[in-house]
Amino acid sequence: MKRIRRAVGYTLALTVGLLFVTVGVVSSLGNVAARLHFDDADQVPAVVVGADYNRPQMKQSPKFVSVALTDGHKMRASIDNVGQAPDGLPPGDHVTVLYDAARPGHALLPSQLRWEALMFPGGLFLTCGLVPTIVYGLAISRVISAHLRG
C-alpha cells in the first residue's frame, strides 16, 4: 500500500511539473517568435496612427496599435504582440519601432524585446515545472530500475 501511495505521489508531481513546463513553453512562443523575427530589424521612426485599448479598472491593455513609418518607407504597420506593448499610446505620438522589410506590415516596439518579456510568465512557469519534472522523473526511473533488477 505504501508503494502505491508513493507511486501515485511521484506520478502526480511529475504530471504537474510537465503541465507547468507545457504552459511555460506555450506562453513563451509569441515572445520567442518576436525575438527571432525582429532581433536584427532596423530601428525606424514612426508615428502612432491608431490605437484601441480595452479599459479595465487597473490597466489599459491594447487590442491593436497601428503606426506609420516616417523614414522613407511611407507605409503602415501594425504592432505585433500587443500584449507587451506599452499602455496609452495616443495617435500622433512619435515612437521608434523595429521594422524588418522581410515582414511588411509588421513592426515591434524595442521595449517588447526585453528579456523580462521572455521570462515572465513563460520562463517562470518553465523553471517551476522543470524542478519537479527532473526530481520526480529521476525518482520514478530509480524505482523502476530497482523493480526490474528484482
N, C-alpha and C. Protein backbone atom coordinates (compact mmCIF):
# COMPACT_ATOMS: atom_id res chain seq x y z
N MET A 1 0.82 -1.20 0.00
CA MET A 1 0.00 0.00 0.00
C MET A 1 0.87 1.27 0.00
N LYS A 2 1.96 1.20 0.77
CA LYS A 2 2.86 2.36 0.85
C LYS A 2 3.51 2.64 -0.50
N ARG A 3 3.87 1.56 -1.24
CA ARG A 3 4.48 1.74 -2.56
C ARG A 3 3.49 2.37 -3.54
N ILE A 4 2.26 1.96 -3.47
CA ILE A 4 1.24 2.50 -4.38
C ILE A 4 1.03 3.98 -4.10
N ARG A 5 0.96 4.33 -2.84
CA ARG A 5 0.77 5.74 -2.47
C ARG A 5 1.96 6.58 -2.95
N ARG A 6 3.17 6.05 -2.78
CA ARG A 6 4.36 6.77 -3.23
C ARG A 6 4.37 6.90 -4.75
N ALA A 7 4.00 5.84 -5.46
CA ALA A 7 3.97 5.88 -6.92
C ALA A 7 2.95 6.89 -7.42
N VAL A 8 1.79 6.95 -6.77
CA VAL A 8 0.77 7.93 -7.16
C VAL A 8 1.28 9.34 -6.91
N GLY A 9 1.94 9.56 -5.77
CA GLY A 9 2.50 10.88 -5.46
C GLY A 9 3.56 11.30 -6.46
N TYR A 10 4.47 10.38 -6.81
CA TYR A 10 5.50 10.68 -7.80
C TYR A 10 4.88 11.01 -9.16
N THR A 11 3.92 10.20 -9.55
CA THR A 11 3.27 10.41 -10.85
C THR A 11 2.52 11.73 -10.89
N LEU A 12 1.83 12.05 -9.81
CA LEU A 12 1.10 13.32 -9.75
C LEU A 12 2.07 14.51 -9.81
N ALA A 13 3.17 14.44 -9.05
CA ALA A 13 4.15 15.53 -9.07
C ALA A 13 4.79 15.67 -10.45
N LEU A 14 5.09 14.54 -11.09
CA LEU A 14 5.67 14.58 -12.44
C LEU A 14 4.68 15.18 -13.43
N THR A 15 3.41 14.82 -13.30
CA THR A 15 2.38 15.35 -14.20
C THR A 15 2.21 16.86 -14.02
N VAL A 16 2.19 17.32 -12.79
CA VAL A 16 2.08 18.77 -12.52
C VAL A 16 3.30 19.50 -13.07
N GLY A 17 4.48 18.93 -12.88
CA GLY A 17 5.70 19.53 -13.43
C GLY A 17 5.65 19.63 -14.94
N LEU A 18 5.22 18.56 -15.59
CA LEU A 18 5.11 18.59 -17.05
C LEU A 18 4.05 19.58 -17.52
N LEU A 19 2.97 19.72 -16.77
CA LEU A 19 1.94 20.71 -17.10
C LEU A 19 2.51 22.13 -17.02
N PHE A 20 3.29 22.41 -15.98
CA PHE A 20 3.92 23.73 -15.85
C PHE A 20 4.90 23.98 -16.99
N VAL A 21 5.68 22.97 -17.35
CA VAL A 21 6.62 23.12 -18.47
C VAL A 21 5.86 23.43 -19.75
N THR A 22 4.76 22.73 -19.99
CA THR A 22 3.96 22.96 -21.19
C THR A 22 3.38 24.36 -21.22
N VAL A 23 2.82 24.81 -20.09
CA VAL A 23 2.27 26.17 -20.01
C VAL A 23 3.38 27.20 -20.24
N GLY A 24 4.55 26.97 -19.68
CA GLY A 24 5.67 27.88 -19.87
C GLY A 24 6.11 27.99 -21.31
N VAL A 25 6.21 26.86 -21.99
CA VAL A 25 6.63 26.86 -23.39
C VAL A 25 5.57 27.53 -24.26
N VAL A 26 4.31 27.17 -24.06
CA VAL A 26 3.24 27.73 -24.89
C VAL A 26 3.11 29.24 -24.68
N SER A 27 3.22 29.70 -23.43
CA SER A 27 3.06 31.14 -23.19
C SER A 27 4.28 31.95 -23.64
N SER A 28 5.40 31.30 -23.88
CA SER A 28 6.60 32.00 -24.35
C SER A 28 6.75 32.00 -25.86
N LEU A 29 5.97 31.20 -26.56
CA LEU A 29 6.16 31.07 -28.01
C LEU A 29 6.05 32.40 -28.75
N GLY A 30 5.07 33.23 -28.40
CA GLY A 30 4.91 34.52 -29.08
C GLY A 30 6.11 35.42 -28.87
N ASN A 31 6.63 35.45 -27.64
CA ASN A 31 7.79 36.29 -27.35
C ASN A 31 9.05 35.77 -28.03
N VAL A 32 9.22 34.47 -28.07
CA VAL A 32 10.39 33.89 -28.74
C VAL A 32 10.31 34.15 -30.25
N ALA A 33 9.12 33.99 -30.83
CA ALA A 33 8.95 34.26 -32.26
C ALA A 33 9.24 35.72 -32.58
N ALA A 34 8.77 36.63 -31.72
CA ALA A 34 9.04 38.05 -31.93
C ALA A 34 10.53 38.33 -31.87
N ARG A 35 11.22 37.72 -30.92
CA ARG A 35 12.66 37.92 -30.81
C ARG A 35 13.38 37.39 -32.05
N LEU A 36 12.96 36.25 -32.56
CA LEU A 36 13.59 35.70 -33.76
C LEU A 36 13.34 36.56 -34.98
N HIS A 37 12.12 37.08 -35.12
CA HIS A 37 11.77 37.87 -36.30
C HIS A 37 12.38 39.28 -36.28
N PHE A 38 12.48 39.88 -35.11
CA PHE A 38 12.85 41.29 -35.05
C PHE A 38 14.20 41.55 -34.39
N ASP A 39 14.96 40.51 -34.07
CA ASP A 39 16.23 40.72 -33.38
C ASP A 39 17.22 41.53 -34.20
N ASP A 40 17.21 41.36 -35.52
CA ASP A 40 18.14 42.10 -36.38
C ASP A 40 17.44 43.18 -37.20
N ALA A 41 16.23 43.56 -36.79
CA ALA A 41 15.46 44.56 -37.53
C ALA A 41 16.02 45.96 -37.31
N ASP A 42 15.72 46.84 -38.24
CA ASP A 42 16.17 48.23 -38.15
C ASP A 42 15.26 49.03 -37.23
N GLN A 43 15.85 49.96 -36.48
CA GLN A 43 15.05 50.89 -35.68
C GLN A 43 14.66 52.05 -36.57
N VAL A 44 13.35 52.27 -36.69
CA VAL A 44 12.81 53.25 -37.63
C VAL A 44 11.87 54.19 -36.88
N PRO A 45 11.93 55.49 -37.17
CA PRO A 45 10.96 56.41 -36.55
C PRO A 45 9.57 56.18 -37.14
N ALA A 46 8.57 56.33 -36.29
CA ALA A 46 7.19 56.12 -36.74
C ALA A 46 6.26 57.02 -35.93
N VAL A 47 5.05 57.15 -36.41
CA VAL A 47 4.00 57.91 -35.73
C VAL A 47 2.83 56.97 -35.50
N VAL A 48 2.29 56.99 -34.29
CA VAL A 48 1.12 56.17 -33.99
C VAL A 48 -0.07 56.72 -34.77
N VAL A 49 -0.69 55.88 -35.59
CA VAL A 49 -1.83 56.30 -36.40
C VAL A 49 -3.13 55.97 -35.68
N GLY A 50 -3.18 54.83 -35.05
CA GLY A 50 -4.39 54.43 -34.35
C GLY A 50 -4.06 53.44 -33.26
N ALA A 51 -4.83 53.49 -32.20
CA ALA A 51 -4.67 52.55 -31.10
C ALA A 51 -6.03 52.35 -30.45
N ASP A 52 -6.35 51.12 -30.13
CA ASP A 52 -7.60 50.82 -29.46
C ASP A 52 -7.27 50.06 -28.19
N TYR A 53 -7.80 50.53 -27.08
CA TYR A 53 -7.48 49.94 -25.79
C TYR A 53 -8.72 49.42 -25.10
N ASN A 54 -8.59 48.24 -24.48
CA ASN A 54 -9.60 47.80 -23.52
C ASN A 54 -9.37 48.65 -22.28
N ARG A 55 -10.38 48.95 -21.56
CA ARG A 55 -10.19 49.80 -20.39
C ARG A 55 -10.70 49.12 -19.11
N PRO A 56 -9.96 48.12 -18.64
CA PRO A 56 -10.33 47.58 -17.33
C PRO A 56 -9.97 48.58 -16.25
N GLN A 57 -10.38 48.32 -15.05
CA GLN A 57 -10.20 49.28 -13.96
C GLN A 57 -8.73 49.55 -13.64
N MET A 58 -7.88 48.55 -13.72
CA MET A 58 -6.50 48.72 -13.26
C MET A 58 -5.52 49.10 -14.37
N LYS A 59 -5.69 48.57 -15.57
CA LYS A 59 -4.66 48.73 -16.60
C LYS A 59 -5.32 48.86 -17.97
N GLN A 60 -4.75 49.69 -18.82
CA GLN A 60 -5.21 49.75 -20.20
C GLN A 60 -4.42 48.70 -20.98
N SER A 61 -5.10 47.77 -21.59
CA SER A 61 -4.38 46.79 -22.40
C SER A 61 -4.77 46.99 -23.86
N PRO A 62 -3.78 47.14 -24.74
CA PRO A 62 -4.09 47.43 -26.14
C PRO A 62 -4.67 46.23 -26.87
N LYS A 63 -5.66 46.51 -27.74
CA LYS A 63 -6.18 45.49 -28.65
C LYS A 63 -5.40 45.54 -29.96
N PHE A 64 -5.09 46.76 -30.42
CA PHE A 64 -4.23 46.90 -31.59
C PHE A 64 -3.58 48.27 -31.54
N VAL A 65 -2.41 48.35 -32.14
CA VAL A 65 -1.69 49.62 -32.30
C VAL A 65 -1.18 49.64 -33.74
N SER A 66 -1.47 50.72 -34.45
CA SER A 66 -1.04 50.86 -35.84
C SER A 66 -0.13 52.08 -35.94
N VAL A 67 0.96 51.96 -36.69
CA VAL A 67 1.92 53.06 -36.84
C VAL A 67 2.18 53.31 -38.32
N ALA A 68 2.57 54.54 -38.63
CA ALA A 68 3.02 54.90 -39.98
C ALA A 68 4.51 55.16 -39.91
N LEU A 69 5.28 54.47 -40.72
CA LEU A 69 6.73 54.65 -40.74
C LEU A 69 7.05 55.96 -41.43
N THR A 70 7.96 56.73 -40.85
CA THR A 70 8.22 58.08 -41.37
C THR A 70 9.64 58.23 -41.92
N ASP A 71 10.36 57.14 -42.12
CA ASP A 71 11.76 57.27 -42.53
C ASP A 71 11.99 57.09 -44.02
N GLY A 72 10.96 57.07 -44.81
CA GLY A 72 11.13 56.84 -46.24
C GLY A 72 10.39 55.59 -46.69
N HIS A 73 10.04 54.71 -45.76
CA HIS A 73 9.26 53.53 -46.13
C HIS A 73 7.84 53.93 -46.52
N LYS A 74 7.33 54.97 -45.88
CA LYS A 74 5.99 55.50 -46.16
C LYS A 74 4.93 54.39 -46.21
N MET A 75 4.90 53.59 -45.19
CA MET A 75 3.87 52.55 -45.12
C MET A 75 3.38 52.40 -43.69
N ARG A 76 2.26 51.72 -43.54
CA ARG A 76 1.69 51.47 -42.23
C ARG A 76 2.04 50.05 -41.79
N ALA A 77 2.13 49.90 -40.50
CA ALA A 77 2.41 48.58 -39.93
C ALA A 77 1.65 48.45 -38.62
N SER A 78 1.27 47.24 -38.31
CA SER A 78 0.63 47.01 -37.01
C SER A 78 1.68 46.46 -36.06
N ILE A 79 1.54 46.82 -34.80
CA ILE A 79 2.47 46.35 -33.79
C ILE A 79 2.11 44.91 -33.43
N ASP A 80 3.07 44.01 -33.56
CA ASP A 80 2.85 42.61 -33.19
C ASP A 80 2.93 42.47 -31.68
N ASN A 81 2.34 41.39 -31.18
CA ASN A 81 2.42 41.05 -29.76
C ASN A 81 1.98 42.22 -28.88
N VAL A 82 0.77 42.73 -29.13
CA VAL A 82 0.32 43.95 -28.45
C VAL A 82 0.17 43.78 -26.95
N GLY A 83 0.11 42.56 -26.47
CA GLY A 83 0.03 42.36 -25.02
C GLY A 83 1.24 42.90 -24.29
N GLN A 84 2.38 42.97 -24.97
CA GLN A 84 3.61 43.51 -24.38
C GLN A 84 3.82 44.98 -24.71
N ALA A 85 2.91 45.57 -25.47
CA ALA A 85 3.06 46.98 -25.86
C ALA A 85 2.75 47.89 -24.68
N PRO A 86 3.35 49.07 -24.64
CA PRO A 86 3.06 49.99 -23.53
C PRO A 86 1.64 50.52 -23.59
N ASP A 87 1.15 50.95 -22.46
CA ASP A 87 -0.20 51.49 -22.36
C ASP A 87 -0.25 52.93 -22.83
N GLY A 88 -1.41 53.33 -23.30
CA GLY A 88 -1.71 54.73 -23.57
C GLY A 88 -0.91 55.39 -24.66
N LEU A 89 -0.70 54.74 -25.78
CA LEU A 89 -0.05 55.39 -26.92
C LEU A 89 -1.12 56.14 -27.70
N PRO A 90 -1.15 57.46 -27.63
CA PRO A 90 -2.19 58.20 -28.35
C PRO A 90 -1.81 58.38 -29.82
N PRO A 91 -2.80 58.47 -30.71
CA PRO A 91 -2.49 58.77 -32.11
C PRO A 91 -1.72 60.08 -32.22
N GLY A 92 -0.72 60.10 -33.08
CA GLY A 92 0.13 61.27 -33.25
C GLY A 92 1.41 61.20 -32.44
N ASP A 93 1.51 60.24 -31.53
CA ASP A 93 2.70 60.08 -30.70
C ASP A 93 3.85 59.55 -31.56
N HIS A 94 5.03 60.14 -31.42
CA HIS A 94 6.21 59.69 -32.16
C HIS A 94 6.90 58.58 -31.37
N VAL A 95 7.15 57.46 -32.04
CA VAL A 95 7.79 56.31 -31.41
C VAL A 95 8.88 55.78 -32.33
N THR A 96 9.74 54.97 -31.78
CA THR A 96 10.72 54.23 -32.58
C THR A 96 10.27 52.78 -32.60
N VAL A 97 10.22 52.20 -33.79
CA VAL A 97 9.79 50.81 -33.93
C VAL A 97 10.89 49.99 -34.60
N LEU A 98 10.82 48.70 -34.41
CA LEU A 98 11.69 47.77 -35.12
C LEU A 98 10.93 47.30 -36.34
N TYR A 99 11.54 47.47 -37.51
CA TYR A 99 10.87 47.11 -38.76
C TYR A 99 11.82 46.29 -39.61
N ASP A 100 11.33 45.18 -40.10
CA ASP A 100 12.10 44.31 -40.98
C ASP A 100 11.39 44.25 -42.33
N ALA A 101 12.08 44.61 -43.40
CA ALA A 101 11.46 44.63 -44.73
C ALA A 101 10.98 43.25 -45.16
N ALA A 102 11.52 42.20 -44.55
CA ALA A 102 11.08 40.85 -44.87
C ALA A 102 9.68 40.56 -44.32
N ARG A 103 9.22 41.38 -43.38
CA ARG A 103 7.88 41.22 -42.79
C ARG A 103 7.10 42.51 -42.97
N PRO A 104 6.71 42.85 -44.18
CA PRO A 104 5.99 44.11 -44.40
C PRO A 104 4.66 44.12 -43.65
N GLY A 105 4.33 45.29 -43.12
CA GLY A 105 3.07 45.43 -42.39
C GLY A 105 3.17 45.07 -40.93
N HIS A 106 4.35 44.66 -40.47
CA HIS A 106 4.53 44.28 -39.07
C HIS A 106 5.67 45.09 -38.47
N ALA A 107 5.50 45.48 -37.23
CA ALA A 107 6.54 46.22 -36.51
C ALA A 107 6.48 45.80 -35.05
N LEU A 108 7.48 46.20 -34.30
CA LEU A 108 7.55 45.89 -32.88
C LEU A 108 8.23 47.05 -32.18
N LEU A 109 7.81 47.37 -30.99
CA LEU A 109 8.47 48.39 -30.20
C LEU A 109 9.70 47.78 -29.54
N PRO A 110 10.82 48.49 -29.47
CA PRO A 110 12.04 47.91 -28.88
C PRO A 110 11.85 47.39 -27.46
N SER A 111 10.99 48.03 -26.69
CA SER A 111 10.77 47.58 -25.31
C SER A 111 10.12 46.20 -25.25
N GLN A 112 9.51 45.76 -26.35
CA GLN A 112 8.88 44.45 -26.37
C GLN A 112 9.88 43.31 -26.50
N LEU A 113 11.14 43.60 -26.80
CA LEU A 113 12.15 42.56 -26.94
C LEU A 113 13.01 42.39 -25.70
N ARG A 114 12.67 43.04 -24.63
CA ARG A 114 13.50 42.90 -23.43
C ARG A 114 13.36 41.48 -22.87
N TRP A 115 14.37 41.03 -22.16
CA TRP A 115 14.41 39.66 -21.67
C TRP A 115 13.33 39.40 -20.62
N GLU A 116 12.91 40.42 -19.90
CA GLU A 116 11.85 40.22 -18.90
C GLU A 116 10.57 39.75 -19.58
N ALA A 117 10.32 40.22 -20.81
CA ALA A 117 9.11 39.80 -21.53
C ALA A 117 9.17 38.30 -21.84
N LEU A 118 10.37 37.79 -22.04
CA LEU A 118 10.51 36.36 -22.28
C LEU A 118 10.38 35.56 -20.99
N MET A 119 10.89 36.13 -19.89
CA MET A 119 10.95 35.38 -18.65
C MET A 119 9.63 35.32 -17.89
N PHE A 120 8.80 36.32 -18.02
CA PHE A 120 7.56 36.34 -17.24
C PHE A 120 6.37 36.39 -18.17
N PRO A 121 5.41 35.55 -18.09
CA PRO A 121 5.27 34.45 -17.15
C PRO A 121 5.85 33.14 -17.65
N GLY A 122 6.14 33.05 -18.96
CA GLY A 122 6.55 31.78 -19.54
C GLY A 122 7.79 31.16 -18.92
N GLY A 123 8.84 31.94 -18.76
CA GLY A 123 10.07 31.41 -18.18
C GLY A 123 9.90 30.98 -16.74
N LEU A 124 9.06 31.69 -16.01
CA LEU A 124 8.80 31.33 -14.61
C LEU A 124 8.08 29.99 -14.54
N PHE A 125 7.05 29.80 -15.36
CA PHE A 125 6.35 28.51 -15.39
C PHE A 125 7.30 27.39 -15.82
N LEU A 126 8.12 27.66 -16.81
CA LEU A 126 9.05 26.66 -17.31
C LEU A 126 10.02 26.24 -16.21
N THR A 127 10.59 27.20 -15.50
CA THR A 127 11.53 26.91 -14.43
C THR A 127 10.86 26.15 -13.29
N CYS A 128 9.68 26.62 -12.89
CA CYS A 128 8.96 25.95 -11.80
C CYS A 128 8.53 24.54 -12.20
N GLY A 129 8.33 24.30 -13.47
CA GLY A 129 7.94 22.97 -13.92
C GLY A 129 9.12 22.04 -14.10
N LEU A 130 10.29 22.58 -14.44
CA LEU A 130 11.46 21.73 -14.65
C LEU A 130 11.93 21.06 -13.37
N VAL A 131 11.84 21.76 -12.25
CA VAL A 131 12.34 21.21 -10.99
C VAL A 131 11.61 19.91 -10.62
N PRO A 132 10.27 19.92 -10.48
CA PRO A 132 9.63 18.65 -10.13
C PRO A 132 9.71 17.61 -11.25
N THR A 133 9.76 18.06 -12.50
CA THR A 133 9.86 17.10 -13.60
C THR A 133 11.18 16.33 -13.51
N ILE A 134 12.27 17.03 -13.27
CA ILE A 134 13.58 16.36 -13.17
C ILE A 134 13.66 15.51 -11.91
N VAL A 135 13.28 16.09 -10.77
CA VAL A 135 13.41 15.38 -9.49
C VAL A 135 12.55 14.12 -9.48
N TYR A 136 11.27 14.26 -9.82
CA TYR A 136 10.39 13.10 -9.76
C TYR A 136 10.58 12.17 -10.95
N GLY A 137 11.04 12.68 -12.07
CA GLY A 137 11.39 11.80 -13.18
C GLY A 137 12.55 10.89 -12.82
N LEU A 138 13.57 11.45 -12.15
CA LEU A 138 14.69 10.63 -11.68
C LEU A 138 14.24 9.64 -10.61
N ALA A 139 13.38 10.08 -9.70
CA ALA A 139 12.89 9.19 -8.65
C ALA A 139 12.11 8.02 -9.24
N ILE A 140 11.25 8.31 -10.21
CA ILE A 140 10.47 7.24 -10.84
C ILE A 140 11.39 6.28 -11.60
N SER A 141 12.39 6.82 -12.29
CA SER A 141 13.30 5.94 -13.03
C SER A 141 14.11 5.06 -12.08
N ARG A 142 14.48 5.58 -10.90
CA ARG A 142 15.19 4.75 -9.92
C ARG A 142 14.31 3.63 -9.39
N VAL A 143 13.06 3.96 -9.11
CA VAL A 143 12.13 2.94 -8.61
C VAL A 143 11.90 1.86 -9.66
N ILE A 144 11.74 2.27 -10.91
CA ILE A 144 11.51 1.30 -11.99
C ILE A 144 12.74 0.42 -12.19
N SER A 145 13.94 1.02 -12.18
CA SER A 145 15.15 0.22 -12.38
C SER A 145 15.37 -0.74 -11.21
N ALA A 146 15.06 -0.31 -9.97
CA ALA A 146 15.18 -1.20 -8.82
C ALA A 146 14.18 -2.35 -8.93
N HIS A 147 12.99 -2.05 -9.41
CA HIS A 147 11.97 -3.09 -9.57
C HIS A 147 12.37 -4.09 -10.66
N LEU A 148 12.98 -3.62 -11.73
CA LEU A 148 13.39 -4.51 -12.81
C LEU A 148 14.57 -5.38 -12.42
N ARG A 149 15.45 -4.86 -11.56
CA ARG A 149 16.60 -5.63 -11.10
C ARG A 149 16.18 -6.73 -10.13
N GLY A 150 15.03 -6.55 -9.55
CA GLY A 150 14.50 -7.62 -8.71
C GLY A 150 14.60 -7.32 -7.30
